N, C-alpha and C. Protein backbone atom coordinates (compact mmCIF):
# COMPACT_ATOMS: atom_id res chain seq x y z
N MET A 1 -51.67 87.99 19.67
CA MET A 1 -51.45 86.54 19.77
C MET A 1 -52.74 85.77 20.04
N THR A 2 -53.55 86.41 20.87
CA THR A 2 -54.80 85.73 21.21
C THR A 2 -55.66 85.52 19.97
N GLY A 3 -55.70 86.55 19.09
CA GLY A 3 -56.47 86.42 17.87
C GLY A 3 -55.97 85.32 16.97
N TYR A 4 -54.64 85.22 16.85
CA TYR A 4 -54.05 84.16 16.02
C TYR A 4 -54.39 82.77 16.59
N LYS A 5 -54.35 82.66 17.93
CA LYS A 5 -54.65 81.37 18.55
C LYS A 5 -56.09 80.94 18.25
N LYS A 6 -57.00 81.93 18.34
CA LYS A 6 -58.40 81.60 18.05
C LYS A 6 -58.58 81.14 16.62
N ILE A 7 -57.92 81.84 15.70
CA ILE A 7 -58.02 81.47 14.29
C ILE A 7 -57.47 80.07 14.06
N TRP A 8 -56.34 79.75 14.71
CA TRP A 8 -55.70 78.44 14.56
C TRP A 8 -56.58 77.33 15.11
N ILE A 9 -57.18 77.60 16.28
CA ILE A 9 -58.05 76.59 16.90
C ILE A 9 -59.27 76.34 16.04
N VAL A 10 -59.88 77.42 15.53
CA VAL A 10 -61.05 77.24 14.67
C VAL A 10 -60.70 76.46 13.42
N ALA A 11 -59.53 76.80 12.83
CA ALA A 11 -59.10 76.09 11.63
C ALA A 11 -58.85 74.62 11.92
N LEU A 12 -58.28 74.30 13.11
CA LEU A 12 -58.02 72.92 13.48
C LEU A 12 -59.32 72.15 13.65
N VAL A 13 -60.30 72.77 14.34
CA VAL A 13 -61.59 72.11 14.54
C VAL A 13 -62.27 71.86 13.21
N ALA A 14 -62.24 72.83 12.32
CA ALA A 14 -62.85 72.67 11.01
C ALA A 14 -62.19 71.56 10.22
N SER A 15 -60.85 71.49 10.32
CA SER A 15 -60.12 70.44 9.61
C SER A 15 -60.50 69.07 10.14
N CYS A 16 -60.58 68.93 11.48
CA CYS A 16 -60.95 67.65 12.08
C CYS A 16 -62.36 67.24 11.68
N ALA A 17 -63.28 68.24 11.70
CA ALA A 17 -64.66 67.94 11.31
C ALA A 17 -64.73 67.48 9.87
N SER A 18 -63.91 68.09 9.00
CA SER A 18 -63.89 67.70 7.59
C SER A 18 -63.39 66.28 7.42
N ILE A 19 -62.36 65.91 8.19
CA ILE A 19 -61.80 64.55 8.11
C ILE A 19 -62.82 63.52 8.57
N LEU A 20 -63.50 63.85 9.73
CA LEU A 20 -64.49 62.92 10.25
C LEU A 20 -65.65 62.76 9.28
N ALA A 21 -66.10 63.87 8.71
CA ALA A 21 -67.20 63.80 7.75
C ALA A 21 -66.81 62.99 6.52
N GLY A 22 -65.57 63.18 6.07
CA GLY A 22 -65.09 62.41 4.92
C GLY A 22 -65.02 60.94 5.23
N GLY A 23 -64.59 60.61 6.48
CA GLY A 23 -64.52 59.20 6.86
C GLY A 23 -65.89 58.56 6.88
N CYS A 24 -66.87 59.29 7.43
CA CYS A 24 -68.23 58.75 7.49
C CYS A 24 -68.80 58.57 6.08
N ALA A 25 -68.46 59.48 5.18
CA ALA A 25 -69.01 59.41 3.83
C ALA A 25 -68.50 58.20 3.07
N THR A 26 -67.30 57.73 3.41
CA THR A 26 -66.71 56.60 2.69
C THR A 26 -67.05 55.26 3.31
N THR A 27 -67.73 55.26 4.48
CA THR A 27 -68.10 54.01 5.12
C THR A 27 -69.28 53.40 4.37
N PRO A 28 -69.15 52.15 3.87
CA PRO A 28 -70.25 51.56 3.08
C PRO A 28 -71.45 51.25 3.96
N ASN A 29 -72.63 51.37 3.39
CA ASN A 29 -73.85 51.00 4.09
C ASN A 29 -74.02 49.49 4.08
N SER A 30 -74.58 48.96 5.17
CA SER A 30 -74.85 47.53 5.22
C SER A 30 -75.97 47.18 4.26
N ARG A 31 -75.85 46.01 3.63
CA ARG A 31 -76.90 45.51 2.74
C ARG A 31 -77.39 44.18 3.30
N PHE A 32 -78.69 43.94 3.17
CA PHE A 32 -79.31 42.78 3.80
C PHE A 32 -79.91 41.87 2.72
N TYR A 33 -79.74 40.56 2.93
CA TYR A 33 -80.12 39.58 1.92
C TYR A 33 -80.98 38.48 2.53
N THR A 34 -81.76 37.84 1.68
CA THR A 34 -82.54 36.67 2.06
C THR A 34 -82.54 35.69 0.89
N ILE A 35 -82.59 34.41 1.19
CA ILE A 35 -82.63 33.38 0.15
C ILE A 35 -84.07 33.19 -0.30
N SER A 36 -84.28 33.16 -1.59
CA SER A 36 -85.63 32.99 -2.13
C SER A 36 -85.82 31.58 -2.64
N PRO A 37 -87.02 31.02 -2.48
CA PRO A 37 -87.29 29.70 -3.07
C PRO A 37 -87.25 29.79 -4.58
N VAL A 38 -86.64 28.80 -5.20
CA VAL A 38 -86.51 28.83 -6.66
C VAL A 38 -87.17 27.61 -7.30
N ALA A 39 -87.90 26.85 -6.53
CA ALA A 39 -88.52 25.63 -7.06
C ALA A 39 -89.53 25.95 -8.14
N LYS A 40 -90.10 27.17 -8.15
CA LYS A 40 -91.09 27.50 -9.16
C LYS A 40 -90.51 27.48 -10.56
N THR A 41 -89.16 27.57 -10.67
CA THR A 41 -88.53 27.53 -11.98
C THR A 41 -88.12 26.11 -12.36
N ALA A 42 -88.29 25.18 -11.43
CA ALA A 42 -87.87 23.80 -11.69
C ALA A 42 -89.04 23.00 -12.23
N PRO A 43 -88.77 22.00 -13.08
CA PRO A 43 -89.87 21.15 -13.55
C PRO A 43 -90.45 20.34 -12.42
N VAL A 44 -91.75 20.34 -12.29
CA VAL A 44 -92.41 19.58 -11.23
C VAL A 44 -92.97 18.31 -11.83
N ALA A 45 -92.54 17.17 -11.30
CA ALA A 45 -93.02 15.89 -11.80
C ALA A 45 -94.45 15.67 -11.31
N VAL A 46 -95.37 15.48 -12.22
CA VAL A 46 -96.77 15.26 -11.85
C VAL A 46 -97.03 13.76 -11.90
N ALA A 47 -97.28 13.21 -10.75
CA ALA A 47 -97.54 11.78 -10.67
C ALA A 47 -98.97 11.55 -10.20
N LYS A 48 -99.49 10.38 -10.49
CA LYS A 48 -100.83 10.04 -10.02
C LYS A 48 -100.76 9.81 -8.53
N PRO A 49 -101.51 10.58 -7.74
CA PRO A 49 -101.45 10.41 -6.29
C PRO A 49 -101.83 9.00 -5.87
N LEU A 50 -101.07 8.45 -4.92
CA LEU A 50 -101.39 7.14 -4.39
C LEU A 50 -102.53 7.27 -3.40
N ALA A 51 -103.13 6.13 -3.08
CA ALA A 51 -104.26 6.15 -2.15
C ALA A 51 -103.80 6.64 -0.79
N GLY A 52 -104.62 7.47 -0.16
CA GLY A 52 -104.30 7.95 1.18
C GLY A 52 -103.50 9.23 1.14
N ALA A 53 -104.03 10.25 1.79
CA ALA A 53 -103.33 11.54 1.83
C ALA A 53 -102.09 11.40 2.69
N LEU A 54 -101.05 12.13 2.32
CA LEU A 54 -99.79 12.08 3.06
C LEU A 54 -99.36 13.49 3.40
N VAL A 55 -98.90 13.65 4.63
CA VAL A 55 -98.35 14.92 5.08
C VAL A 55 -96.86 14.72 5.35
N LEU A 56 -96.06 15.64 4.83
CA LEU A 56 -94.62 15.59 5.05
C LEU A 56 -94.22 16.78 5.92
N GLY A 57 -93.70 16.49 7.09
CA GLY A 57 -93.24 17.54 8.00
C GLY A 57 -91.74 17.74 7.84
N ILE A 58 -91.32 18.99 7.75
CA ILE A 58 -89.90 19.32 7.60
C ILE A 58 -89.35 19.84 8.92
N GLY A 59 -88.34 19.15 9.45
CA GLY A 59 -87.71 19.64 10.65
C GLY A 59 -87.21 18.53 11.55
N PRO A 60 -86.22 18.81 12.36
CA PRO A 60 -85.52 20.09 12.36
C PRO A 60 -84.55 20.21 11.17
N VAL A 61 -84.23 21.45 10.84
CA VAL A 61 -83.20 21.74 9.84
C VAL A 61 -82.08 22.48 10.57
N ALA A 62 -80.92 21.84 10.67
CA ALA A 62 -79.82 22.40 11.45
C ALA A 62 -78.68 22.84 10.54
N ILE A 63 -78.05 23.95 10.91
CA ILE A 63 -76.86 24.43 10.21
C ILE A 63 -75.75 24.61 11.24
N PRO A 64 -74.48 24.65 10.80
CA PRO A 64 -73.38 24.83 11.75
C PRO A 64 -73.48 26.18 12.48
N ASP A 65 -73.02 26.20 13.72
CA ASP A 65 -73.07 27.42 14.52
C ASP A 65 -72.31 28.56 13.87
N TYR A 66 -71.20 28.26 13.17
CA TYR A 66 -70.39 29.33 12.61
C TYR A 66 -71.10 30.06 11.46
N LEU A 67 -72.16 29.44 10.93
CA LEU A 67 -72.92 30.09 9.86
C LEU A 67 -74.12 30.86 10.38
N ASP A 68 -74.61 30.50 11.57
CA ASP A 68 -75.83 31.11 12.09
C ASP A 68 -75.49 32.43 12.79
N ARG A 69 -75.15 33.41 12.00
CA ARG A 69 -74.76 34.74 12.47
C ARG A 69 -75.26 35.77 11.48
N PRO A 70 -75.30 37.03 11.85
CA PRO A 70 -75.84 38.05 10.92
C PRO A 70 -75.02 38.21 9.65
N GLN A 71 -73.68 38.10 9.75
CA GLN A 71 -72.83 38.34 8.59
C GLN A 71 -72.85 37.13 7.64
N ILE A 72 -72.77 37.41 6.34
CA ILE A 72 -72.63 36.35 5.35
C ILE A 72 -71.18 35.86 5.37
N VAL A 73 -71.01 34.55 5.44
CA VAL A 73 -69.69 33.95 5.59
C VAL A 73 -69.19 33.43 4.25
N VAL A 74 -67.93 33.73 3.94
CA VAL A 74 -67.26 33.23 2.74
C VAL A 74 -66.00 32.50 3.17
N ARG A 75 -65.75 31.33 2.58
CA ARG A 75 -64.54 30.56 2.91
C ARG A 75 -63.46 30.87 1.88
N SER A 76 -62.30 31.27 2.35
CA SER A 76 -61.20 31.63 1.44
C SER A 76 -60.47 30.38 0.97
N ALA A 77 -59.58 30.57 0.00
CA ALA A 77 -58.79 29.46 -0.53
C ALA A 77 -57.87 28.88 0.55
N ARG A 78 -57.58 29.67 1.58
CA ARG A 78 -56.73 29.21 2.70
C ARG A 78 -57.57 28.58 3.81
N ASN A 79 -58.83 28.28 3.50
CA ASN A 79 -59.75 27.67 4.46
C ASN A 79 -60.06 28.60 5.63
N GLU A 80 -59.95 29.88 5.39
CA GLU A 80 -60.25 30.89 6.41
C GLU A 80 -61.68 31.38 6.19
N LEU A 81 -62.42 31.52 7.28
CA LEU A 81 -63.79 32.02 7.21
C LEU A 81 -63.78 33.54 7.33
N VAL A 82 -64.34 34.20 6.33
CA VAL A 82 -64.35 35.66 6.27
C VAL A 82 -65.78 36.13 6.49
N LEU A 83 -65.97 37.01 7.50
CA LEU A 83 -67.29 37.56 7.80
C LEU A 83 -67.46 38.89 7.07
N ASN A 84 -68.52 39.00 6.29
CA ASN A 84 -68.78 40.24 5.56
C ASN A 84 -69.62 41.17 6.43
N GLU A 85 -68.95 42.15 7.02
CA GLU A 85 -69.63 43.03 7.97
C GLU A 85 -70.73 43.86 7.33
N PHE A 86 -70.60 44.16 6.05
CA PHE A 86 -71.58 45.03 5.41
C PHE A 86 -72.52 44.27 4.47
N SER A 87 -72.40 42.92 4.47
CA SER A 87 -73.33 42.06 3.74
C SER A 87 -73.90 41.07 4.75
N ARG A 88 -75.17 41.26 5.10
CA ARG A 88 -75.76 40.53 6.22
C ARG A 88 -77.07 39.87 5.82
N TRP A 89 -77.44 38.86 6.60
CA TRP A 89 -78.74 38.22 6.40
C TRP A 89 -79.83 39.09 7.01
N ALA A 90 -80.95 39.18 6.32
CA ALA A 90 -82.06 40.00 6.81
C ALA A 90 -82.69 39.38 8.06
N GLY A 91 -82.53 38.08 8.22
CA GLY A 91 -83.05 37.38 9.40
C GLY A 91 -82.07 36.31 9.82
N SER A 92 -82.59 35.18 10.25
CA SER A 92 -81.76 34.05 10.64
C SER A 92 -81.51 33.15 9.44
N LEU A 93 -80.26 32.81 9.16
CA LEU A 93 -79.95 31.91 8.05
C LEU A 93 -80.58 30.54 8.29
N GLN A 94 -80.59 30.08 9.53
CA GLN A 94 -81.19 28.77 9.81
C GLN A 94 -82.69 28.78 9.49
N ASN A 95 -83.39 29.81 9.93
CA ASN A 95 -84.82 29.90 9.63
C ASN A 95 -85.07 30.05 8.14
N ASP A 96 -84.22 30.85 7.49
CA ASP A 96 -84.35 31.06 6.05
C ASP A 96 -84.16 29.75 5.29
N THR A 97 -83.16 28.97 5.70
CA THR A 97 -82.86 27.70 5.04
C THR A 97 -84.03 26.73 5.19
N ALA A 98 -84.58 26.63 6.40
CA ALA A 98 -85.72 25.74 6.64
C ALA A 98 -86.94 26.19 5.84
N ARG A 99 -87.18 27.48 5.78
CA ARG A 99 -88.34 28.01 5.05
C ARG A 99 -88.24 27.72 3.56
N VAL A 100 -87.08 28.01 2.97
CA VAL A 100 -86.90 27.82 1.53
C VAL A 100 -86.99 26.34 1.18
N LEU A 101 -86.37 25.48 1.98
CA LEU A 101 -86.43 24.04 1.71
C LEU A 101 -87.87 23.56 1.78
N ARG A 102 -88.62 24.04 2.75
CA ARG A 102 -90.02 23.63 2.89
C ARG A 102 -90.85 24.11 1.69
N GLU A 103 -90.66 25.36 1.28
CA GLU A 103 -91.44 25.88 0.16
C GLU A 103 -91.05 25.19 -1.15
N ASN A 104 -89.78 24.89 -1.32
CA ASN A 104 -89.36 24.17 -2.52
C ASN A 104 -89.99 22.77 -2.58
N LEU A 105 -89.95 22.06 -1.45
CA LEU A 105 -90.52 20.71 -1.42
C LEU A 105 -92.03 20.75 -1.62
N GLU A 106 -92.67 21.78 -1.12
CA GLU A 106 -94.12 21.91 -1.33
C GLU A 106 -94.44 22.00 -2.81
N ALA A 107 -93.63 22.76 -3.55
CA ALA A 107 -93.85 22.89 -5.00
C ALA A 107 -93.47 21.60 -5.73
N MET A 108 -92.38 20.97 -5.31
CA MET A 108 -91.90 19.78 -6.01
C MET A 108 -92.81 18.57 -5.82
N LEU A 109 -93.49 18.50 -4.66
CA LEU A 109 -94.32 17.32 -4.35
C LEU A 109 -95.81 17.58 -4.52
N ALA A 110 -96.15 18.76 -5.03
CA ALA A 110 -97.57 19.11 -5.18
C ALA A 110 -98.28 18.13 -6.10
N GLY A 111 -97.61 17.68 -7.16
CA GLY A 111 -98.23 16.74 -8.09
C GLY A 111 -98.31 15.33 -7.59
N ASP A 112 -97.72 15.06 -6.43
CA ASP A 112 -97.75 13.71 -5.86
C ASP A 112 -98.80 13.56 -4.77
N GLY A 113 -99.61 14.59 -4.57
CA GLY A 113 -100.63 14.50 -3.53
C GLY A 113 -100.06 14.51 -2.14
N ILE A 114 -98.92 15.20 -1.94
CA ILE A 114 -98.26 15.26 -0.64
C ILE A 114 -98.29 16.71 -0.14
N SER A 115 -98.82 16.89 1.05
CA SER A 115 -98.83 18.21 1.68
C SER A 115 -97.56 18.37 2.51
N VAL A 116 -96.95 19.55 2.43
CA VAL A 116 -95.69 19.82 3.13
C VAL A 116 -95.91 20.92 4.16
N THR A 117 -95.40 20.71 5.36
CA THR A 117 -95.54 21.68 6.43
C THR A 117 -94.34 21.61 7.34
N SER A 118 -94.23 22.55 8.26
CA SER A 118 -93.20 22.45 9.30
C SER A 118 -93.57 21.30 10.24
N TRP A 119 -92.54 20.58 10.71
CA TRP A 119 -92.83 19.42 11.52
C TRP A 119 -93.32 19.81 12.91
N ARG A 120 -94.32 19.10 13.37
CA ARG A 120 -94.78 19.18 14.75
C ARG A 120 -95.39 17.83 15.11
N ARG A 121 -95.31 17.47 16.34
CA ARG A 121 -95.84 16.18 16.78
C ARG A 121 -97.36 16.16 16.68
N GLY A 122 -97.88 14.97 16.48
CA GLY A 122 -99.32 14.79 16.48
C GLY A 122 -99.97 14.90 15.12
N ILE A 123 -99.16 15.02 14.04
CA ILE A 123 -99.75 15.06 12.70
C ILE A 123 -100.04 13.63 12.26
N PRO A 124 -101.30 13.29 11.99
CA PRO A 124 -101.62 11.90 11.59
C PRO A 124 -101.11 11.61 10.18
N ASN A 125 -100.75 10.34 9.97
CA ASN A 125 -100.33 9.85 8.65
C ASN A 125 -99.21 10.72 8.07
N ALA A 126 -98.22 11.03 8.92
CA ALA A 126 -97.17 11.97 8.50
C ALA A 126 -95.82 11.29 8.39
N TYR A 127 -95.06 11.75 7.40
CA TYR A 127 -93.65 11.45 7.33
C TYR A 127 -92.91 12.70 7.80
N ARG A 128 -91.65 12.51 8.14
CA ARG A 128 -90.84 13.65 8.57
C ARG A 128 -89.49 13.59 7.91
N VAL A 129 -88.95 14.76 7.52
CA VAL A 129 -87.60 14.85 7.00
C VAL A 129 -86.78 15.74 7.94
N ALA A 130 -85.73 15.19 8.49
CA ALA A 130 -84.80 15.95 9.32
C ALA A 130 -83.53 16.18 8.52
N VAL A 131 -83.01 17.38 8.53
CA VAL A 131 -81.84 17.74 7.72
C VAL A 131 -80.76 18.32 8.61
N ASP A 132 -79.57 17.75 8.51
CA ASP A 132 -78.42 18.24 9.26
C ASP A 132 -77.37 18.72 8.26
N ILE A 133 -77.23 20.03 8.14
CA ILE A 133 -76.30 20.63 7.17
C ILE A 133 -74.95 20.85 7.84
N SER A 134 -73.90 20.32 7.25
CA SER A 134 -72.55 20.47 7.81
C SER A 134 -71.74 21.57 7.13
N ARG A 135 -72.09 21.89 5.87
CA ARG A 135 -71.45 23.01 5.16
C ARG A 135 -72.47 23.69 4.26
N PHE A 136 -72.44 25.02 4.28
CA PHE A 136 -73.34 25.76 3.40
C PHE A 136 -72.80 27.19 3.28
N GLU A 137 -71.73 27.31 2.47
CA GLU A 137 -71.14 28.63 2.30
C GLU A 137 -70.45 28.71 0.94
N SER A 138 -70.10 29.93 0.59
CA SER A 138 -69.41 30.19 -0.67
C SER A 138 -67.90 30.21 -0.44
N THR A 139 -67.17 29.92 -1.50
CA THR A 139 -65.73 30.14 -1.49
C THR A 139 -65.44 31.45 -2.23
N ASP A 140 -64.24 31.96 -2.06
CA ASP A 140 -63.89 33.21 -2.76
C ASP A 140 -63.47 32.94 -4.21
N TYR A 141 -63.59 31.68 -4.67
CA TYR A 141 -63.29 31.38 -6.07
C TYR A 141 -64.53 30.92 -6.83
N GLY A 142 -65.72 31.31 -6.32
CA GLY A 142 -66.93 31.16 -7.11
C GLY A 142 -67.67 29.85 -7.02
N VAL A 143 -67.67 29.20 -5.86
CA VAL A 143 -68.41 27.94 -5.69
C VAL A 143 -69.13 27.95 -4.35
N VAL A 144 -70.41 27.63 -4.37
CA VAL A 144 -71.16 27.40 -3.14
C VAL A 144 -71.20 25.89 -2.89
N THR A 145 -70.83 25.49 -1.67
CA THR A 145 -70.83 24.09 -1.30
C THR A 145 -71.91 23.84 -0.25
N LEU A 146 -72.73 22.85 -0.50
CA LEU A 146 -73.76 22.44 0.46
C LEU A 146 -73.60 20.95 0.72
N LYS A 147 -73.32 20.61 1.98
CA LYS A 147 -73.22 19.21 2.38
C LYS A 147 -74.22 18.97 3.51
N ALA A 148 -75.00 17.92 3.36
CA ALA A 148 -76.05 17.66 4.34
C ALA A 148 -76.36 16.17 4.42
N GLN A 149 -76.77 15.75 5.59
CA GLN A 149 -77.35 14.42 5.77
C GLN A 149 -78.83 14.61 6.07
N TRP A 150 -79.67 13.85 5.38
CA TRP A 150 -81.10 13.96 5.64
C TRP A 150 -81.70 12.58 5.87
N ILE A 151 -82.70 12.56 6.74
CA ILE A 151 -83.33 11.31 7.16
C ILE A 151 -84.83 11.45 6.99
N ILE A 152 -85.43 10.43 6.39
CA ILE A 152 -86.88 10.37 6.27
C ILE A 152 -87.41 9.41 7.33
N PHE A 153 -88.36 9.89 8.12
CA PHE A 153 -88.98 9.09 9.16
C PHE A 153 -90.43 8.82 8.81
N GLY A 154 -90.91 7.63 9.17
CA GLY A 154 -92.32 7.31 9.06
C GLY A 154 -92.88 7.10 10.45
N GLY A 155 -94.02 6.38 10.53
CA GLY A 155 -94.60 6.12 11.85
C GLY A 155 -94.89 7.40 12.59
N GLU A 156 -95.47 8.37 11.88
CA GLU A 156 -95.76 9.69 12.44
C GLU A 156 -94.48 10.37 12.93
N GLY A 157 -93.41 10.14 12.17
CA GLY A 157 -92.19 10.88 12.41
C GLY A 157 -91.18 10.24 13.32
N SER A 158 -91.36 8.95 13.69
CA SER A 158 -90.46 8.34 14.66
C SER A 158 -89.68 7.14 14.12
N LYS A 159 -90.10 6.56 12.99
CA LYS A 159 -89.45 5.36 12.46
C LYS A 159 -88.56 5.73 11.28
N MET A 160 -87.27 5.45 11.40
CA MET A 160 -86.32 5.82 10.35
C MET A 160 -86.52 4.91 9.13
N LEU A 161 -86.72 5.56 7.95
CA LEU A 161 -86.96 4.80 6.73
C LEU A 161 -85.87 4.97 5.69
N MET A 162 -85.18 6.10 5.69
CA MET A 162 -84.14 6.34 4.70
C MET A 162 -83.13 7.35 5.26
N VAL A 163 -81.85 7.09 4.98
CA VAL A 163 -80.77 8.01 5.36
C VAL A 163 -79.93 8.28 4.12
N ARG A 164 -79.70 9.54 3.82
CA ARG A 164 -78.91 9.91 2.64
C ARG A 164 -77.97 11.07 2.96
N ASP A 165 -76.85 11.08 2.25
CA ASP A 165 -75.91 12.21 2.30
C ASP A 165 -75.92 12.90 0.95
N SER A 166 -75.99 14.22 0.98
CA SER A 166 -75.97 15.01 -0.26
C SER A 166 -74.76 15.93 -0.24
N SER A 167 -74.09 16.02 -1.38
CA SER A 167 -72.96 16.94 -1.55
C SER A 167 -73.20 17.71 -2.86
N ILE A 168 -73.43 19.00 -2.73
CA ILE A 168 -73.86 19.82 -3.86
C ILE A 168 -72.90 20.98 -4.05
N ARG A 169 -72.56 21.24 -5.32
CA ARG A 169 -71.71 22.38 -5.68
C ARG A 169 -72.44 23.23 -6.72
N GLU A 170 -72.50 24.52 -6.46
CA GLU A 170 -73.11 25.45 -7.41
C GLU A 170 -72.08 26.53 -7.74
N GLU A 171 -71.70 26.60 -9.01
CA GLU A 171 -70.74 27.62 -9.42
C GLU A 171 -71.48 28.92 -9.77
N PHE A 172 -70.77 30.02 -9.56
CA PHE A 172 -71.31 31.32 -9.98
C PHE A 172 -70.15 32.16 -10.50
N PHE A 173 -70.50 33.16 -11.28
CA PHE A 173 -69.46 33.96 -11.94
C PHE A 173 -69.74 35.44 -11.70
N GLY A 174 -68.89 36.06 -10.88
CA GLY A 174 -69.01 37.49 -10.64
C GLY A 174 -70.30 37.85 -9.93
N GLY A 175 -70.54 39.16 -9.83
CA GLY A 175 -71.80 39.61 -9.24
C GLY A 175 -71.76 39.83 -7.75
N GLY A 176 -70.64 39.51 -7.10
CA GLY A 176 -70.51 39.77 -5.68
C GLY A 176 -71.45 38.93 -4.83
N ILE A 177 -71.86 39.51 -3.68
CA ILE A 177 -72.68 38.78 -2.73
C ILE A 177 -74.02 38.39 -3.33
N GLU A 178 -74.57 39.21 -4.23
CA GLU A 178 -75.84 38.86 -4.86
C GLU A 178 -75.74 37.50 -5.55
N SER A 179 -74.64 37.25 -6.23
CA SER A 179 -74.45 35.97 -6.91
C SER A 179 -74.28 34.83 -5.91
N VAL A 180 -73.62 35.12 -4.79
CA VAL A 180 -73.46 34.11 -3.74
C VAL A 180 -74.83 33.67 -3.22
N VAL A 181 -75.68 34.62 -2.89
CA VAL A 181 -77.00 34.31 -2.34
C VAL A 181 -77.85 33.55 -3.37
N THR A 182 -77.78 33.95 -4.63
CA THR A 182 -78.52 33.25 -5.68
C THR A 182 -78.04 31.80 -5.81
N ALA A 183 -76.72 31.60 -5.77
CA ALA A 183 -76.17 30.24 -5.86
C ALA A 183 -76.56 29.40 -4.65
N MET A 184 -76.66 30.01 -3.48
CA MET A 184 -77.11 29.28 -2.29
C MET A 184 -78.55 28.83 -2.47
N GLY A 185 -79.37 29.67 -3.08
CA GLY A 185 -80.75 29.28 -3.37
C GLY A 185 -80.81 28.10 -4.32
N LYS A 186 -79.96 28.11 -5.35
CA LYS A 186 -79.93 27.00 -6.30
C LYS A 186 -79.45 25.71 -5.63
N ALA A 187 -78.51 25.82 -4.69
CA ALA A 187 -78.04 24.64 -3.97
C ALA A 187 -79.16 24.04 -3.13
N LEU A 188 -79.96 24.89 -2.50
CA LEU A 188 -81.10 24.39 -1.73
C LEU A 188 -82.13 23.74 -2.63
N GLU A 189 -82.29 24.28 -3.84
CA GLU A 189 -83.20 23.66 -4.80
C GLU A 189 -82.72 22.25 -5.16
N ALA A 190 -81.42 22.10 -5.41
CA ALA A 190 -80.87 20.79 -5.75
C ALA A 190 -81.05 19.80 -4.59
N LEU A 191 -80.84 20.28 -3.37
CA LEU A 191 -81.07 19.42 -2.20
C LEU A 191 -82.54 19.02 -2.13
N GLY A 192 -83.42 19.96 -2.38
CA GLY A 192 -84.85 19.64 -2.35
C GLY A 192 -85.24 18.59 -3.37
N LEU A 193 -84.65 18.65 -4.56
CA LEU A 193 -84.94 17.65 -5.59
C LEU A 193 -84.53 16.26 -5.13
N GLU A 194 -83.38 16.15 -4.46
CA GLU A 194 -82.93 14.84 -3.97
C GLU A 194 -83.87 14.33 -2.87
N ILE A 195 -84.26 15.22 -1.97
CA ILE A 195 -85.16 14.81 -0.89
C ILE A 195 -86.52 14.42 -1.45
N ALA A 196 -87.02 15.18 -2.41
CA ALA A 196 -88.33 14.87 -3.01
C ALA A 196 -88.33 13.48 -3.64
N GLN A 197 -87.25 13.15 -4.34
CA GLN A 197 -87.17 11.81 -4.94
C GLN A 197 -87.10 10.74 -3.85
N GLY A 198 -86.39 11.04 -2.77
CA GLY A 198 -86.34 10.09 -1.66
C GLY A 198 -87.71 9.84 -1.04
N VAL A 199 -88.50 10.89 -0.90
CA VAL A 199 -89.85 10.76 -0.36
C VAL A 199 -90.70 9.89 -1.29
N ARG A 200 -90.57 10.11 -2.60
CA ARG A 200 -91.33 9.29 -3.55
C ARG A 200 -90.92 7.82 -3.45
N ASP A 201 -89.60 7.58 -3.32
CA ASP A 201 -89.12 6.20 -3.23
C ASP A 201 -89.64 5.53 -1.96
N VAL A 202 -89.64 6.24 -0.85
CA VAL A 202 -90.14 5.68 0.40
C VAL A 202 -91.63 5.38 0.30
N ARG A 203 -92.36 6.31 -0.29
CA ARG A 203 -93.80 6.11 -0.39
C ARG A 203 -94.15 4.91 -1.27
N SER A 204 -93.33 4.69 -2.30
CA SER A 204 -93.61 3.57 -3.20
C SER A 204 -93.40 2.22 -2.52
N ARG A 205 -92.69 2.21 -1.38
CA ARG A 205 -92.47 0.95 -0.65
C ARG A 205 -93.58 0.64 0.35
N VAL A 206 -94.52 1.55 0.47
CA VAL A 206 -95.62 1.31 1.41
C VAL A 206 -96.51 0.20 0.86
N THR A 207 -96.80 -0.78 1.65
CA THR A 207 -97.62 -1.92 1.19
C THR A 207 -99.09 -1.54 1.17
N GLY A 208 -99.89 -2.43 0.63
CA GLY A 208 -101.31 -2.16 0.50
C GLY A 208 -102.01 -1.95 1.83
N ASN A 209 -101.48 -2.57 2.92
CA ASN A 209 -102.15 -2.41 4.22
C ASN A 209 -101.57 -1.24 5.02
N GLY A 210 -100.69 -0.46 4.38
CA GLY A 210 -100.18 0.73 5.05
C GLY A 210 -98.89 0.52 5.82
N ALA A 211 -98.39 -0.73 5.85
CA ALA A 211 -97.14 -0.97 6.56
C ALA A 211 -95.97 -0.36 5.80
N GLU A 212 -94.99 0.13 6.55
CA GLU A 212 -93.85 0.80 5.93
C GLU A 212 -92.66 -0.16 5.87
N LYS A 213 -92.05 -0.23 4.71
CA LYS A 213 -90.89 -1.11 4.52
C LYS A 213 -89.62 -0.29 4.66
N PRO A 214 -88.79 -0.55 5.67
CA PRO A 214 -87.54 0.19 5.79
C PRO A 214 -86.65 -0.06 4.58
N GLU A 215 -85.79 0.88 4.31
CA GLU A 215 -84.87 0.75 3.19
C GLU A 215 -83.93 -0.42 3.43
N GLN A 216 -83.73 -1.21 2.41
CA GLN A 216 -82.84 -2.36 2.52
C GLN A 216 -81.41 -1.91 2.23
N GLY A 217 -80.50 -2.21 3.14
CA GLY A 217 -79.10 -1.81 2.93
C GLY A 217 -78.38 -2.86 2.15
């Protein structure tokens, strides 16, 4: 009997080990993503630089708390937020969003004689763009939605000159999370194009003596 018990116990342990190994083998590996700037593929308007160098500072760029997490978030048709445990951001989505927007604007405004950098106090002759994003996620039916309010400040970043709301939709077809991330990049590109045009419009209102004309409502 003792021999049979040993054989049964060994067989049971082997069976359990096989089940555990099989379970581990079927667990998907996490994949990590980052948004890439896509402005290099967009047409850049080359304009004659106006007199006086201009620096454009970007920041702050805010996103909703529910998006600033490691997992990539998808909104279902039932308005439910689904966290993809095995599809994650390689870093911070908020930092990624600010970086891509800054790099896109740098490319878009290069022909206008405007330097783009992260915002910090004390930059002379600087404008500032602050961006507050209220939605920036994909749906499970193939649409990325980006909604944001952005403000252009003058007076070295303290005088409000323009306020705009942007609502952007980017459709994608298949491809899983890779397509979601690509569409998010395209949405940021579209937002950058709107902001770049706003900066040009604000700059064109600057008078010959350097005074800034607030936007007329």
